[in-house]
Amino acid sequence: MNFTLSDLIIFFALGFFVYLWWLGKAVKERAIPQVKQHCKKFNVQLLDDTISQEKTRIVWHRGQIKIKRHFTFEFTSTGEARYQGNICFINQKLENINLDPHHF
């Protein structure tokens, strides 16, 4: 088989994107237990036991290029109203978790 340079570039690009997708999935799997623990700490309940990825971007962080992933989730404090929270990772390291203002 003869591969051209453009064939190899396409092959490596596809491999790179599959690798990024796989890393993103691993980060999401790590995020869910951390969100549950954070919700428990603040006496609120994570709804639907799920989070959704809002955005992924490349950032310059401490002199290096890294990937920042932003996830959102919903929680309740009273059982009646839904509130939104978010969790951010830079590469695979937790950056922050935030809960929107809510009633107790």
Protein backbone atom coordinates (compact mmCIF):
# COMPACT_ATOMS: atom_id res chain seq x y z
CA MET A 1 0.00 0.00 0.00
CA ASN A 2 1.20 3.45 -0.85
CA PHE A 3 0.26 6.20 1.53
CA THR A 4 0.62 9.82 0.60
CA LEU A 5 1.58 12.49 3.07
CA SER A 6 -2.00 13.79 3.13
CA ASP A 7 -3.26 10.27 3.97
CA LEU A 8 -0.88 10.10 6.93
CA ILE A 9 -1.86 13.57 8.14
CA ILE A 10 -5.55 12.64 8.01
CA PHE A 11 -4.85 9.36 9.82
CA PHE A 12 -2.91 11.07 12.63
CA ALA A 13 -5.49 13.87 12.91
CA LEU A 14 -8.29 11.34 13.33
CA GLY A 15 -6.25 9.44 15.90
CA PHE A 16 -5.57 12.67 17.78
CA PHE A 17 -9.27 13.58 17.91
CA VAL A 18 -10.23 10.10 19.08
CA TYR A 19 -7.60 10.42 21.82
CA LEU A 20 -9.00 13.83 22.89
CA TRP A 21 -12.52 12.38 22.96
CA TRP A 22 -11.33 9.46 25.08
CA LEU A 23 -9.58 11.83 27.54
CA GLY A 24 -12.75 13.95 27.74
CA LYS A 25 -14.80 10.91 28.58
CA ALA A 26 -12.36 9.97 31.35
CA VAL A 27 -12.57 13.50 32.81
CA LYS A 28 -16.37 13.34 32.79
CA GLU A 29 -16.30 10.00 34.62
CA ARG A 30 -14.06 11.56 37.28
CA ALA A 31 -16.27 14.64 37.53
CA ILE A 32 -19.50 12.90 38.51
CA PRO A 33 -18.32 11.58 41.92
CA GLN A 34 -16.70 14.95 42.68
CA VAL A 35 -19.96 16.77 41.91
CA LYS A 36 -21.91 14.33 44.10
CA GLN A 37 -19.47 14.86 46.98
CA HIS A 38 -19.65 18.65 46.56
CA CYS A 39 -23.46 18.57 46.54
CA LYS A 40 -23.49 16.41 49.67
CA LYS A 41 -21.11 18.84 51.40
CA PHE A 42 -23.54 21.72 50.76
CA ASN A 43 -26.64 19.65 51.56
CA VAL A 44 -28.12 19.76 48.06
CA GLN A 45 -29.07 16.92 45.73
CA LEU A 46 -27.60 16.34 42.28
CA LEU A 47 -30.52 15.84 39.89
CA ASP A 48 -30.55 13.04 37.33
CA ASP A 49 -27.08 11.90 38.53
CA THR A 50 -25.60 13.37 35.39
CA ILE A 51 -23.50 16.21 34.08
CA SER A 52 -23.21 17.55 30.55
CA GLN A 53 -20.18 18.93 28.79
CA GLU A 54 -20.78 22.54 27.77
CA LYS A 55 -17.52 23.47 26.13
CA THR A 56 -13.96 22.40 25.57
CA ARG A 57 -11.23 24.82 24.62
CA ILE A 58 -7.50 25.16 24.47
CA VAL A 59 -6.08 27.60 27.04
CA TRP A 60 -2.70 28.97 28.02
CA HIS A 61 -2.27 27.99 31.68
CA ARG A 62 0.90 28.59 33.71
CA GLY A 63 3.08 28.82 30.63
CA GLN A 64 1.68 25.71 28.92
CA ILE A 65 -1.06 24.89 26.44
CA LYS A 66 -3.78 22.86 28.15
CA ILE A 67 -7.35 21.73 27.54
CA LYS A 68 -10.11 23.29 29.65
CA ARG A 69 -13.38 21.37 29.95
CA HIS A 70 -16.52 22.96 31.34
CA PHE A 71 -19.44 20.79 32.51
CA THR A 72 -22.85 21.80 33.88
CA PHE A 73 -25.29 19.97 36.13
CA GLU A 74 -28.57 20.62 37.91
CA PHE A 75 -29.24 20.34 41.62
CA THR A 76 -32.00 21.08 44.10
CA SER A 77 -31.95 22.28 47.67
CA THR A 78 -35.68 22.08 48.43
CA GLY A 79 -36.87 19.35 46.10
CA GLU A 80 -39.02 21.85 44.19
CA ALA A 81 -36.73 24.21 42.30
CA ARG A 82 -33.89 23.33 39.94
CA TYR A 83 -30.63 25.23 40.05
CA GLN A 84 -27.55 24.99 37.89
CA GLY A 85 -23.96 24.31 38.86
CA ASN A 86 -20.75 23.91 36.92
CA ILE A 87 -17.43 22.16 37.23
CA CYS A 88 -14.24 22.97 35.30
CA PHE A 89 -11.13 20.93 34.66
CA ILE A 90 -7.82 21.96 33.18
CA ASN A 91 -6.44 18.82 31.58
CA GLN A 92 -7.49 16.24 34.17
CA LYS A 93 -7.12 18.49 37.22
CA LEU A 94 -10.16 19.98 38.94
CA GLU A 95 -10.13 23.76 38.67
CA ASN A 96 -13.40 24.67 40.43
CA ILE A 97 -16.98 23.71 41.23
CA ASN A 98 -19.68 26.37 41.54
CA LEU A 99 -23.31 26.23 42.63
CA ASP A 100 -25.71 28.96 41.56
CA PRO A 101 -27.40 30.89 44.40
CA HIS A 102 -30.26 28.81 45.81
CA HIS A 103 -32.80 28.66 48.67
CA PHE A 104 -32.07 26.53 51.72
